[in-house]
Amino acid sequence: MRDFLKSDIASRVIALAIAIILWIYVVILLDPPIDIVFNDIPVLYTNTVDLTKEGYVLTNEKTETVSVKVRGSRTMLAKINKSEISAFADLNGYFQTGTITVPISVGLPIGELSIIEKKPYGVNVTIDKIISQSFPVTVEITGTPEPGFEVYESIASQRIIELKGPSELIASIEKAVVSIDVTGVSDDIMVTRPLVFYNTNQNVVSSRHLTSVPETIEIRSEVLQRKTDLVKAKLTDDNGGFVANVIPSNQITVLGKPNVLEQINFVDTNPISLSGITSDTKVVAKLDLPKGIVGLGNISEVTVEIKHKTGD
């Protein structure tokens, strides 16, 4: 045994044992403070409701994060994880527009721990004033009706809407559009659609900060059948010496419901008085369109050429 203690191996074993005992004493019994870094702690924004009450809104959409260096005993640090560390930026009192830096505050779950460092110290936020603006509703028709039919008129349930949101976003909007798809239709159609907002580049503008009153619009589109009919010039005070022709064509395309269109084969003009006409001339005459019939493109008049009859 004495020889063993005198050997080199024995000396090393004893030294190792002493080192282990000292390590246990320092690490476990004394439990000295150490530093640990927790990365990517999400930053929450507080008092945003107060901001809204004052007529402002936080327009930042990106979630910011912070890295925190925490100091404490090894025992205490072993009891926490990253999800228990809270980071927030208090927006109370920041009632102004523009980009500002708000300090980041960090909360720890155990009082014996302390924050040594945080990166970044603050977070840049953009705050804008909430405003309201009126926009006319633009009805956009997509698709093509059944062959032989036309969309005559589309009417929105509301012509003006009120849009509320950040002033910079509102200023970028050019028009409020509601669309209706008429693909394959042959009768009137009524739908309710959400509003879509476009900027001057015809790109859609969308944000959770935009609210419109109303949010949806009801659209009614009147769909009429198309038909081509003759136009007859209706003459009065005719002594038989003149002939009338509709120029450049005596045909017109009209629109109407199928049951109405099938009852007509031609369209008269309003009466054209020949009283006082002594030479060839041209007159513009209104069309005498039957009830329920309209001219394609809202055509309501034609040109009539009046000439003397020539002999046989």
C-alpha atoms as a PDB file:
ATOM      1  CA  MET A   1       0.000   0.000   0.000  1.00  0.00           C
ATOM      2  CA  ARG A   2       2.874   2.279   0.895  1.00  0.00           C
ATOM      3  CA  ASP A   3       4.515   1.506  -2.421  1.00  0.00           C
ATOM      4  CA  PHE A   4       1.291   2.336  -4.248  1.00  0.00           C
ATOM      5  CA  LEU A   5       1.026   5.735  -2.570  1.00  0.00           C
ATOM      6  CA  LYS A   6       4.568   6.505  -3.625  1.00  0.00           C
ATOM      7  CA  SER A   7       3.865   5.653  -7.267  1.00  0.00           C
ATOM      8  CA  ASP A   8       3.145   8.204 -10.009  1.00  0.00           C
ATOM      9  CA  ILE A   9      -0.264   6.701 -10.734  1.00  0.00           C
ATOM     10  CA  ALA A  10      -1.318   7.177  -7.156  1.00  0.00           C
ATOM     11  CA  SER A  11      -0.375  10.820  -7.265  1.00  0.00           C
ATOM     12  CA  ARG A  12      -2.513  11.365 -10.331  1.00  0.00           C
ATOM     13  CA  VAL A  13      -5.496   9.577  -8.864  1.00  0.00           C
ATOM     14  CA  ILE A  14      -5.308  11.630  -5.694  1.00  0.00           C
ATOM     15  CA  ALA A  15      -5.011  14.863  -7.691  1.00  0.00           C
ATOM     16  CA  LEU A  16      -8.053  13.936  -9.779  1.00  0.00           C
ATOM     17  CA  ALA A  17     -10.088  13.151  -6.688  1.00  0.00           C
ATOM     18  CA  ILE A  18      -9.184  16.474  -5.119  1.00  0.00           C
ATOM     19  CA  ALA A  19     -10.137  18.268  -8.351  1.00  0.00           C
ATOM     20  CA  ILE A  20     -13.520  16.547  -8.444  1.00  0.00           C
ATOM     21  CA  ILE A  21     -14.168  17.457  -4.828  1.00  0.00           C
ATOM     22  CA  LEU A  22     -13.263  21.085  -5.497  1.00  0.00           C
ATOM     23  CA  TRP A  23     -15.467  21.151  -8.632  1.00  0.00           C
ATOM     24  CA  ILE A  24     -18.410  19.785  -6.671  1.00  0.00           C
ATOM     25  CA  TYR A  25     -17.806  22.372  -3.976  1.00  0.00           C
ATOM     26  CA  VAL A  26     -17.579  25.291  -6.377  1.00  0.00           C
ATOM     27  CA  VAL A  27     -20.291  24.303  -8.840  1.00  0.00           C
ATOM     28  CA  ILE A  28     -22.850  22.659  -6.615  1.00  0.00           C
ATOM     29  CA  LEU A  29     -22.306  24.007  -3.141  1.00  0.00           C
ATOM     30  CA  LEU A  30     -21.264  27.583  -3.958  1.00  0.00           C
ATOM     31  CA  ASP A  31     -23.479  27.705  -7.160  1.00  0.00           C
ATOM     32  CA  PRO A  32     -21.749  30.789  -8.649  1.00  0.00           C
ATOM     33  CA  PRO A  33     -23.556  33.052 -11.169  1.00  0.00           C
ATOM     34  CA  ILE A  34     -23.208  32.405 -14.901  1.00  0.00           C
ATOM     35  CA  ASP A  35     -24.467  34.127 -18.066  1.00  0.00           C
ATOM     36  CA  ILE A  36     -26.720  32.533 -20.674  1.00  0.00           C
ATOM     37  CA  VAL A  37     -27.958  34.134 -23.919  1.00  0.00           C
ATOM     38  CA  PHE A  38     -31.536  33.520 -25.063  1.00  0.00           C
ATOM     39  CA  ASN A  39     -32.042  34.386 -28.740  1.00  0.00           C
ATOM     40  CA  ASP A  40     -35.113  35.233 -30.838  1.00  0.00           C
ATOM     41  CA  ILE A  41     -37.460  36.315 -28.063  1.00  0.00           C
ATOM     42  CA  PRO A  42     -40.555  37.750 -29.866  1.00  0.00           C
ATOM     43  CA  VAL A  43     -41.383  41.355 -29.011  1.00  0.00           C
ATOM     44  CA  LEU A  44     -45.032  42.034 -28.172  1.00  0.00           C
ATOM     45  CA  TYR A  45     -46.601  45.486 -28.518  1.00  0.00           C
ATOM     46  CA  THR A  46     -48.649  46.700 -25.569  1.00  0.00           C
ATOM     47  CA  ASN A  47     -51.224  49.505 -25.206  1.00  0.00           C
ATOM     48  CA  THR A  48     -52.160  49.342 -28.887  1.00  0.00           C
ATOM     49  CA  VAL A  49     -55.792  49.789 -27.835  1.00  0.00           C
ATOM     50  CA  ASP A  50     -54.967  53.186 -26.312  1.00  0.00           C
ATOM     51  CA  LEU A  51     -53.213  54.080 -29.548  1.00  0.00           C
ATOM     52  CA  THR A  52     -56.366  53.270 -31.514  1.00  0.00           C
ATOM     53  CA  LYS A  53     -58.547  55.250 -29.102  1.00  0.00           C
ATOM     54  CA  GLU A  54     -56.465  58.321 -29.867  1.00  0.00           C
ATOM     55  CA  GLY A  55     -56.911  57.821 -33.610  1.00  0.00           C
ATOM     56  CA  TYR A  56     -53.562  56.226 -34.408  1.00  0.00           C
ATOM     57  CA  VAL A  57     -52.498  52.774 -35.577  1.00  0.00           C
ATOM     58  CA  LEU A  58     -49.317  50.728 -35.573  1.00  0.00           C
ATOM     59  CA  THR A  59     -48.669  49.808 -39.191  1.00  0.00           C
ATOM     60  CA  ASN A  60     -45.698  47.487 -38.633  1.00  0.00           C
ATOM     61  CA  GLU A  61     -46.620  43.988 -39.745  1.00  0.00           C
ATOM     62  CA  LYS A  62     -43.246  42.334 -39.096  1.00  0.00           C
ATOM     63  CA  THR A  63     -42.637  40.497 -35.798  1.00  0.00           C
ATOM     64  CA  GLU A  64     -39.442  41.757 -34.154  1.00  0.00           C
ATOM     65  CA  THR A  65     -37.211  39.660 -31.872  1.00  0.00           C
ATOM     66  CA  VAL A  66     -34.609  40.406 -29.209  1.00  0.00           C
ATOM     67  CA  SER A  67     -31.626  38.508 -27.789  1.00  0.00           C
ATOM     68  CA  VAL A  68     -31.248  38.619 -24.001  1.00  0.00           C
ATOM     69  CA  LYS A  69     -28.216  37.785 -21.846  1.00  0.00           C
ATOM     70  CA  VAL A  70     -29.401  36.615 -18.424  1.00  0.00           C
ATOM     71  CA  ARG A  71     -27.235  36.264 -15.312  1.00  0.00           C
ATOM     72  CA  GLY A  72     -28.024  33.998 -12.385  1.00  0.00           C
ATOM     73  CA  SER A  73     -27.021  30.880 -10.560  1.00  0.00           C
ATOM     74  CA  ARG A  74     -26.722  27.716 -12.553  1.00  0.00           C
ATOM     75  CA  THR A  75     -29.533  26.213 -10.485  1.00  0.00           C
ATOM     76  CA  MET A  76     -31.921  29.099 -11.213  1.00  0.00           C
ATOM     77  CA  LEU A  77     -31.089  29.275 -14.905  1.00  0.00           C
ATOM     78  CA  ALA A  78     -31.714  25.562 -15.258  1.00  0.00           C
ATOM     79  CA  LYS A  79     -35.322  26.137 -14.176  1.00  0.00           C
ATOM     80  CA  ILE A  80     -36.345  28.436 -17.040  1.00  0.00           C
ATOM     81  CA  ASN A  81     -36.702  28.164 -20.807  1.00  0.00           C
ATOM     82  CA  LYS A  82     -36.997  30.737 -23.573  1.00  0.00           C
ATOM     83  CA  SER A  83     -40.790  30.637 -23.719  1.00  0.00           C
ATOM     84  CA  GLU A  84     -40.980  31.981 -20.144  1.00  0.00           C
ATOM     85  CA  ILE A  85     -39.085  35.153 -21.026  1.00  0.00           C
ATOM     86  CA  SER A  86     -41.315  38.008 -22.212  1.00  0.00           C
ATOM     87  CA  ALA A  87     -40.285  41.019 -24.265  1.00  0.00           C
ATOM     88  CA  PHE A  88     -42.562  43.948 -25.031  1.00  0.00           C
ATOM     89  CA  ALA A  89     -42.576  47.475 -26.406  1.00  0.00           C
ATOM     90  CA  ASP A  90     -44.978  49.799 -24.599  1.00  0.00           C
ATOM     91  CA  LEU A  91     -46.689  52.193 -27.025  1.00  0.00           C
ATOM     92  CA  ASN A  92     -48.395  54.230 -24.318  1.00  0.00           C
ATOM     93  CA  GLY A  93     -48.044  57.933 -25.067  1.00  0.00           C
ATOM     94  CA  TYR A  94     -46.660  57.584 -28.579  1.00  0.00           C
ATOM     95  CA  PHE A  95     -49.484  59.541 -30.173  1.00  0.00           C
ATOM     96  CA  GLN A  96     -47.618  60.767 -33.239  1.00  0.00           C
ATOM     97  CA  THR A  97     -47.016  59.810 -36.850  1.00  0.00           C
ATOM     98  CA  GLY A  98     -43.769  58.553 -38.306  1.00  0.00           C
ATOM     99  CA  THR A  99     -41.110  55.968 -37.482  1.00  0.00           C
ATOM    100  CA  ILE A 100     -39.859  56.024 -33.890  1.00  0.00           C
ATOM    101  CA  THR A 101     -37.727  53.812 -31.645  1.00  0.00           C
ATOM    102  CA  VAL A 102     -39.496  52.305 -28.631  1.00  0.00           C
ATOM    103  CA  PRO A 103     -37.406  50.713 -25.837  1.00  0.00           C
ATOM    104  CA  ILE A 104     -37.790  46.971 -25.342  1.00  0.00           C
ATOM    105  CA  SER A 105     -38.629  45.790 -21.831  1.00  0.00           C
ATOM    106  CA  VAL A 106     -37.879  42.214 -20.781  1.00  0.00           C
ATOM    107  CA  GLY A 107     -39.591  40.201 -18.052  1.00  0.00           C
ATOM    108  CA  LEU A 108     -38.005  37.196 -16.321  1.00  0.00           C
ATOM    109  CA  PRO A 109     -39.935  34.438 -14.525  1.00  0.00           C
ATOM    110  CA  ILE A 110     -37.568  34.295 -11.513  1.00  0.00           C
ATOM    111  CA  GLY A 111     -36.652  37.325  -9.424  1.00  0.00           C
ATOM    112  CA  GLU A 112     -33.135  36.119  -8.623  1.00  0.00           C
ATOM    113  CA  LEU A 113     -32.170  36.453 -12.283  1.00  0.00           C
ATOM    114  CA  SER A 114     -30.970  39.682 -13.880  1.00  0.00           C
ATOM    115  CA  ILE A 115     -30.643  40.998 -17.415  1.00  0.00           C
ATOM    116  CA  ILE A 116     -27.087  41.865 -18.363  1.00  0.00           C
ATOM    117  CA  GLU A 117     -27.629  42.745 -22.001  1.00  0.00           C
ATOM    118  CA  LYS A 118     -30.337  42.942 -24.684  1.00  0.00           C
ATOM    119  CA  LYS A 119     -29.921  43.337 -28.416  1.00  0.00           C
ATOM    120  CA  PRO A 120     -31.395  45.413 -29.875  1.00  0.00           C
ATOM    121  CA  TYR A 121     -32.182  47.884 -27.121  1.00  0.00           C
ATOM    122  CA  GLY A 122     -35.239  49.221 -28.932  1.00  0.00           C
ATOM    123  CA  VAL A 123     -37.527  48.432 -31.847  1.00  0.00           C
ATOM    124  CA  ASN A 124     -38.460  50.737 -34.723  1.00  0.00           C
ATOM    125  CA  VAL A 125     -42.220  51.153 -35.129  1.00  0.00           C
ATOM    126  CA  THR A 126     -44.249  53.108 -37.667  1.00  0.00           C
ATOM    127  CA  ILE A 127     -47.356  54.890 -36.439  1.00  0.00           C
ATOM    128  CA  ASP A 128     -49.917  56.552 -38.693  1.00  0.00           C
ATOM    129  CA  LYS A 129     -53.036  58.623 -38.220  1.00  0.00           C
ATOM    130  CA  ILE A 130     -56.379  56.925 -38.894  1.00  0.00           C
ATOM    131  CA  ILE A 131     -58.540  58.836 -41.387  1.00  0.00           C
ATOM    132  CA  SER A 132     -61.776  58.273 -43.310  1.00  0.00           C
ATOM    133  CA  GLN A 133     -62.413  58.963 -46.981  1.00  0.00           C
ATOM    134  CA  SER A 134     -65.312  58.407 -49.345  1.00  0.00           C
ATOM    135  CA  PHE A 135     -64.847  56.488 -52.601  1.00  0.00           C
ATOM    136  CA  PRO A 136     -67.290  55.920 -55.473  1.00  0.00           C
ATOM    137  CA  VAL A 137     -68.016  52.266 -56.208  1.00  0.00           C
ATOM    138  CA  THR A 138     -66.808  51.028 -59.592  1.00  0.00           C
ATOM    139  CA  VAL A 139     -68.653  47.970 -60.945  1.00  0.00           C
ATOM    140  CA  GLU A 140     -66.387  45.700 -62.967  1.00  0.00           C
ATOM    141  CA  ILE A 141     -67.945  43.067 -65.239  1.00  0.00           C
ATOM    142  CA  THR A 142     -65.949  39.946 -66.027  1.00  0.00           C
ATOM    143  CA  GLY A 143     -66.768  37.103 -68.380  1.00  0.00           C
ATOM    144  CA  THR A 144     -69.078  36.923 -71.392  1.00  0.00           C
ATOM    145  CA  PRO A 145     -72.825  36.153 -71.358  1.00  0.00           C
ATOM    146  CA  GLU A 146     -74.398  33.391 -73.402  1.00  0.00           C
ATOM    147  CA  PRO A 147     -74.106  34.078 -77.167  1.00  0.00           C
ATOM    148  CA  GLY A 148     -76.805  36.485 -78.311  1.00  0.00           C
ATOM    149  CA  PHE A 149     -77.065  38.256 -74.944  1.00  0.00           C
ATOM    150  CA  GLU A 150     -75.619  41.478 -73.540  1.00  0.00           C
ATOM    151  CA  VAL A 151     -75.227  43.007 -70.087  1.00  0.00           C
ATOM    152  CA  TYR A 152     -77.272  46.159 -70.463  1.00  0.00           C
ATOM    153  CA  GLU A 153     -76.799  47.697 -67.040  1.00  0.00           C
ATOM    154  CA  SER A 154     -75.201  46.844 -63.701  1.00  0.00           C
ATOM    155  CA  ILE A 155     -76.323  48.691 -60.593  1.00  0.00           C
ATOM    156  CA  ALA A 156     -74.592  48.613 -57.197  1.00  0.00           C
ATOM    157  CA  SER A 157     -76.664  48.741 -54.016  1.00  0.00           C
ATOM    158  CA  GLN A 158     -74.485  51.614 -52.813  1.00  0.00           C
ATOM    159  CA  ARG A 159     -72.693  54.155 -54.978  1.00  0.00           C
ATOM    160  CA  ILE A 160     -70.420  55.617 -52.289  1.00  0.00           C
ATOM    161  CA  ILE A 161     -68.531  53.774 -49.535  1.00  0.00           C
ATOM    162  CA  GLU A 162     -66.609  55.067 -46.531  1.00  0.00           C
ATOM    163  CA  LEU A 163     -63.082  53.712 -46.097  1.00  0.00           C
ATOM    164  CA  LYS A 164     -61.137  54.049 -42.847  1.00  0.00           C
ATOM    165  CA  GLY A 165     -57.464  53.294 -42.290  1.00  0.00           C
ATOM    166  CA  PRO A 166     -53.903  54.673 -42.050  1.00  0.00           C
ATOM    167  CA  SER A 167     -53.600  57.992 -43.895  1.00  0.00           C
ATOM    168  CA  GLU A 168     -50.648  56.854 -46.023  1.00  0.00           C
ATOM    169  CA  LEU A 169     -52.516  53.740 -47.127  1.00  0.00           C
ATOM    170  CA  ILE A 170     -55.731  55.642 -47.856  1.00  0.00           C
ATOM    171  CA  ALA A 171     -53.790  58.168 -49.947  1.00  0.00           C
ATOM    172  CA  SER A 172     -52.453  55.369 -52.162  1.00  0.00           C
ATOM    173  CA  ILE A 173     -55.919  54.099 -53.123  1.00  0.00           C
ATOM    174  CA  GLU A 174     -57.348  55.189 -56.451  1.00  0.00           C
ATOM    175  CA  LYS A 175     -60.618  53.280 -56.655  1.00  0.00           C
ATOM    176  CA  ALA A 176     -62.967  50.853 -54.897  1.00  0.00           C
ATOM    177  CA  VAL A 177     -64.089  48.018 -57.166  1.00  0.00           C
ATOM    178  CA  VAL A 178     -66.729  45.337 -56.898  1.00  0.00           C
ATOM    179  CA  SER A 179     -66.824  42.719 -59.646  1.00  0.00           C
ATOM    180  CA  ILE A 180     -69.500  40.462 -61.071  1.00  0.00           C
ATOM    181  CA  ASP A 181     -68.915  37.429 -63.297  1.00  0.00           C
ATOM    182  CA  VAL A 182     -71.511  37.088 -66.077  1.00  0.00           C
ATOM    183  CA  THR A 183     -69.990  34.073 -67.827  1.00  0.00           C
ATOM    184  CA  GLY A 184     -72.719  32.122 -69.664  1.00  0.00           C
ATOM    185  CA  VAL A 185     -75.691  34.016 -68.183  1.00  0.00           C
ATOM    186  CA  SER A 186     -78.860  34.685 -70.186  1.00  0.00           C
ATOM    187  CA  ASP A 187     -81.000  36.320 -67.520  1.00  0.00           C
ATOM    188  CA  ASP A 188     -80.683  38.980 -64.840  1.00  0.00           C
ATOM    189  CA  ILE A 189     -78.189  38.168 -62.107  1.00  0.00           C
ATOM    190  CA  MET A 190     -77.832  39.467 -58.556  1.00  0.00           C
ATOM    191  CA  VAL A 191     -74.791  38.808 -56.348  1.00  0.00           C
ATOM    192  CA  THR A 192     -73.117  40.156 -53.210  1.00  0.00           C
ATOM    193  CA  ARG A 193     -69.376  40.725 -53.469  1.00  0.00           C
ATOM    194  CA  PRO A 194     -66.599  42.176 -51.270  1.00  0.00           C
ATOM    195  CA  LEU A 195     -64.941  45.441 -52.201  1.00  0.00           C
ATOM    196  CA  VAL A 196     -61.421  45.389 -53.631  1.00  0.00           C
ATOM    197  CA  PHE A 197     -59.186  48.468 -53.529  1.00  0.00           C
ATOM    198  CA  TYR A 198     -56.601  49.402 -56.176  1.00  0.00           C
ATOM    199  CA  ASN A 199     -53.766  51.926 -56.265  1.00  0.00           C
ATOM    200  CA  THR A 200     -52.702  54.020 -59.257  1.00  0.00           C
ATOM    201  CA  ASN A 201     -50.582  51.115 -60.549  1.00  0.00           C
ATOM    202  CA  GLN A 202     -53.691  48.893 -60.553  1.00  0.00           C
ATOM    203  CA  ASN A 203     -52.273  46.742 -57.769  1.00  0.00           C
ATOM    204  CA  VAL A 204     -54.571  45.481 -55.022  1.00  0.00           C
ATOM    205  CA  VAL A 205     -54.249  47.352 -51.720  1.00  0.00           C
ATOM    206  CA  SER A 206     -55.089  45.171 -48.736  1.00  0.00           C
ATOM    207  CA  SER A 207     -54.414  45.502 -45.021  1.00  0.00           C
ATOM    208  CA  ARG A 208     -56.033  44.392 -41.804  1.00  0.00           C
ATOM    209  CA  HIS A 209     -56.036  48.085 -40.871  1.00  0.00           C
ATOM    210  CA  LEU A 210     -58.479  48.970 -43.684  1.00  0.00           C
ATOM    211  CA  THR A 211     -62.201  48.843 -42.923  1.00  0.00           C
ATOM    212  CA  SER A 212     -65.020  49.867 -45.229  1.00  0.00           C
ATOM    213  CA  VAL A 213     -68.672  50.650 -44.618  1.00  0.00           C
ATOM    214  CA  PRO A 214     -70.261  48.598 -46.014  1.00  0.00           C
ATOM    215  CA  GLU A 215     -67.809  45.718 -46.467  1.00  0.00           C
ATOM    216  CA  THR A 216     -69.812  44.078 -49.274  1.00  0.00           C
ATOM    217  CA  ILE A 217     -71.919  45.419 -52.133  1.00  0.00           C
ATOM    218  CA  GLU A 218     -74.960  43.894 -53.824  1.00  0.00           C
ATOM    219  CA  ILE A 219     -74.886  44.135 -57.625  1.00  0.00           C
ATOM    220  CA  ARG A 220     -77.778  43.605 -60.008  1.00  0.00           C
ATOM    221  CA  SER A 221     -76.965  43.126 -63.695  1.00  0.00           C
ATOM    222  CA  GLU A 222     -79.741  43.338 -66.285  1.00  0.00           C
ATOM    223  CA  VAL A 223     -79.093  40.848 -69.102  1.00  0.00           C
ATOM    224  CA  LEU A 224     -80.941  41.351 -72.403  1.00  0.00           C
ATOM    225  CA  GLN A 225     -81.136  39.422 -75.650  1.00  0.00           C
ATOM    226  CA  ARG A 226     -79.668  40.966 -78.793  1.00  0.00           C
ATOM    227  CA  LYS A 227     -81.575  41.202 -82.098  1.00  0.00           C
ATOM    228  CA  THR A 228     -81.139  43.038 -85.405  1.00  0.00           C
ATOM    229  CA  ASP A 229     -84.258  44.706 -86.874  1.00  0.00           C
ATOM    230  CA  LEU A 230     -85.111  47.014 -89.762  1.00  0.00           C
ATOM    231  CA  VAL A 231     -85.574  50.736 -89.165  1.00  0.00           C
ATOM    232  CA  LYS A 232     -88.426  52.404 -91.048  1.00  0.00           C
ATOM    233  CA  ALA A 233     -88.633  56.158 -91.491  1.00  0.00           C
ATOM    234  CA  LYS A 234     -92.142  57.286 -90.606  1.00  0.00           C
ATOM    235  CA  LEU A 235     -93.125  60.243 -92.807  1.00  0.00           C
ATOM    236  CA  THR A 236     -95.999  62.692 -92.369  1.00  0.00           C
ATOM    237  CA  ASP A 237     -97.334  65.417 -94.654  1.00  0.00           C
ATOM    238  CA  ASP A 238     -96.052  63.339 -97.551  1.00  0.00           C
ATOM    239  CA  ASN A 239     -97.379  64.326-100.961  1.00  0.00           C
ATOM    240  CA  GLY A 240     -95.818  61.292-102.546  1.00  0.00           C
ATOM    241  CA  GLY A 241     -92.916  63.167-104.070  1.00  0.00           C
ATOM    242  CA  PHE A 242     -90.193  62.026-101.664  1.00  0.00           C
ATOM    243  CA  VAL A 243     -88.561  58.803-100.587  1.00  0.00           C
ATOM    244  CA  ALA A 244     -86.755  58.294 -97.268  1.00  0.00           C
ATOM    245  CA  ASN A 245     -83.822  56.003 -96.484  1.00  0.00           C
ATOM    246  CA  VAL A 246     -82.056  55.409 -93.183  1.00  0.00           C
ATOM    247  CA  ILE A 247     -78.293  55.803 -93.609  1.00  0.00           C
ATOM    248  CA  PRO A 248     -75.701  54.446 -93.513  1.00  0.00           C
ATOM    249  CA  SER A 249     -77.764  51.324 -92.768  1.00  0.00           C
ATOM    250  CA  ASN A 250     -81.442  50.650 -92.294  1.00  0.00           C
ATOM    251  CA  GLN A 251     -80.741  48.044 -89.629  1.00  0.00           C
ATOM    252  CA  ILE A 252     -80.311  48.473 -85.901  1.00  0.00           C
ATOM    253  CA  THR A 253     -79.353  46.128 -83.111  1.00  0.00           C
ATOM    254  CA  VAL A 254     -81.729  46.291 -80.196  1.00  0.00           C
ATOM    255  CA  LEU A 255     -81.798  44.694 -76.767  1.00  0.00           C
ATOM    256  CA  GLY A 256     -84.731  43.362 -74.807  1.00  0.00           C
ATOM    257  CA  LYS A 257     -86.209  40.406 -73.021  1.00  0.00           C
ATOM    258  CA  PRO A 258     -86.801  37.432 -75.375  1.00  0.00           C
ATOM    259  CA  ASN A 259     -90.595  37.563 -74.979  1.00  0.00           C
ATOM    260  CA  VAL A 260     -90.606  41.246 -75.988  1.00  0.00           C
ATOM    261  CA  LEU A 261     -88.188  40.936 -78.893  1.00  0.00           C
ATOM    262  CA  GLU A 262     -90.205  38.192 -80.555  1.00  0.00           C
ATOM    263  CA  GLN A 263     -93.147  40.578 -80.929  1.00  0.00           C
ATOM    264  CA  ILE A 264     -91.344  43.119 -83.112  1.00  0.00           C
ATOM    265  CA  ASN A 265     -89.869  42.872 -86.608  1.00  0.00           C
ATOM    266  CA  PHE A 266     -88.975  46.510 -87.262  1.00  0.00           C
ATOM    267  CA  VAL A 267     -88.521  49.835 -85.478  1.00  0.00           C
ATOM    268  CA  ASP A 268     -90.159  53.077 -86.596  1.00  0.00           C
ATOM    269  CA  THR A 269     -88.697  56.531 -86.270  1.00  0.00           C
ATOM    270  CA  ASN A 270     -90.715  59.260 -84.680  1.00  0.00           C
ATOM    271  CA  PRO A 271     -92.862  61.023 -87.316  1.00  0.00           C
ATOM    272  CA  ILE A 272     -90.830  63.128 -89.765  1.00  0.00           C
ATOM    273  CA  SER A 273     -92.838  65.995 -91.238  1.00  0.00           C
ATOM    274  CA  LEU A 274     -92.127  66.708 -94.886  1.00  0.00           C
ATOM    275  CA  SER A 275     -94.004  69.991 -94.694  1.00  0.00           C
ATOM    276  CA  GLY A 276     -91.798  72.738 -96.091  1.00  0.00           C
ATOM    277  CA  ILE A 277     -89.197  70.350 -97.541  1.00  0.00           C
ATOM    278  CA  THR A 278     -88.613  71.153-101.206  1.00  0.00           C
ATOM    279  CA  SER A 279     -85.210  69.614-101.896  1.00  0.00           C
ATOM    280  CA  ASP A 280     -83.091  66.635-100.954  1.00  0.00           C
ATOM    281  CA  THR A 281     -82.022  66.759 -97.317  1.00  0.00           C
ATOM    282  CA  LYS A 282     -80.923  64.773 -94.293  1.00  0.00           C
ATOM    283  CA  VAL A 283     -82.586  64.841 -90.903  1.00  0.00           C
ATOM    284  CA  VAL A 284     -81.848  63.222 -87.546  1.00  0.00           C
ATOM    285  CA  ALA A 285     -84.865  61.341 -86.252  1.00  0.00           C
ATOM    286  CA  LYS A 286     -85.520  59.814 -82.868  1.00  0.00           C
ATOM    287  CA  LEU A 287     -86.323  56.116 -82.776  1.00  0.00           C
ATOM    288  CA  ASP A 288     -89.766  55.118 -81.579  1.00  0.00           C
ATOM    289  CA  LEU A 289     -88.535  52.177 -79.516  1.00  0.00           C
ATOM    290  CA  PRO A 290     -91.268  49.954 -78.065  1.00  0.00           C
ATOM    291  CA  LYS A 291     -91.484  49.653 -74.305  1.00  0.00           C
ATOM    292  CA  GLY A 292     -88.866  47.266 -72.979  1.00  0.00           C
ATOM    293  CA  ILE A 293     -86.579  47.722 -75.989  1.00  0.00           C
ATOM    294  CA  VAL A 294     -83.326  49.703 -76.062  1.00  0.00           C
ATOM    295  CA  GLY A 295     -80.783  50.297 -78.795  1.00  0.00           C
ATOM    296  CA  LEU A 296     -77.405  48.600 -78.433  1.00  0.00           C
ATOM    297  CA  GLY A 297     -75.021  51.183 -77.054  1.00  0.00           C
ATOM    298  CA  ASN A 298     -78.082  53.255 -76.074  1.00  0.00           C
ATOM    299  CA  ILE A 299     -78.558  54.363 -79.686  1.00  0.00           C
ATOM    300  CA  SER A 300     -81.763  56.404 -79.777  1.00  0.00           C
ATOM    301  CA  GLU A 301     -81.674  58.218 -83.122  1.00  0.00           C
ATOM    302  CA  VAL A 302     -80.742  57.679 -86.771  1.00  0.00           C
ATOM    303  CA  THR A 303     -79.990  59.777 -89.830  1.00  0.00           C
ATOM    304  CA  VAL A 304     -82.653  59.770 -92.535  1.00  0.00           C
ATOM    305  CA  GLU A 305     -81.901  60.821 -96.091  1.00  0.00           C
ATOM    306  CA  ILE A 306     -84.875  62.354 -97.893  1.00  0.00           C
ATOM    307  CA  LYS A 307     -84.781  62.544-101.685  1.00  0.00           C
ATOM    308  CA  HIS A 308     -87.133  63.371-104.517  1.00  0.00           C
ATOM    309  CA  LYS A 309     -88.556  60.346-106.214  1.00  0.00           C
ATOM    310  CA  THR A 310     -87.103  59.736-109.591  1.00  0.00           C
ATOM    311  CA  GLY A 311     -89.268  58.868-112.528  1.00  0.00           C
ATOM    312  CA  ASP A 312     -89.702  55.280-113.747  1.00  0.00           C
END
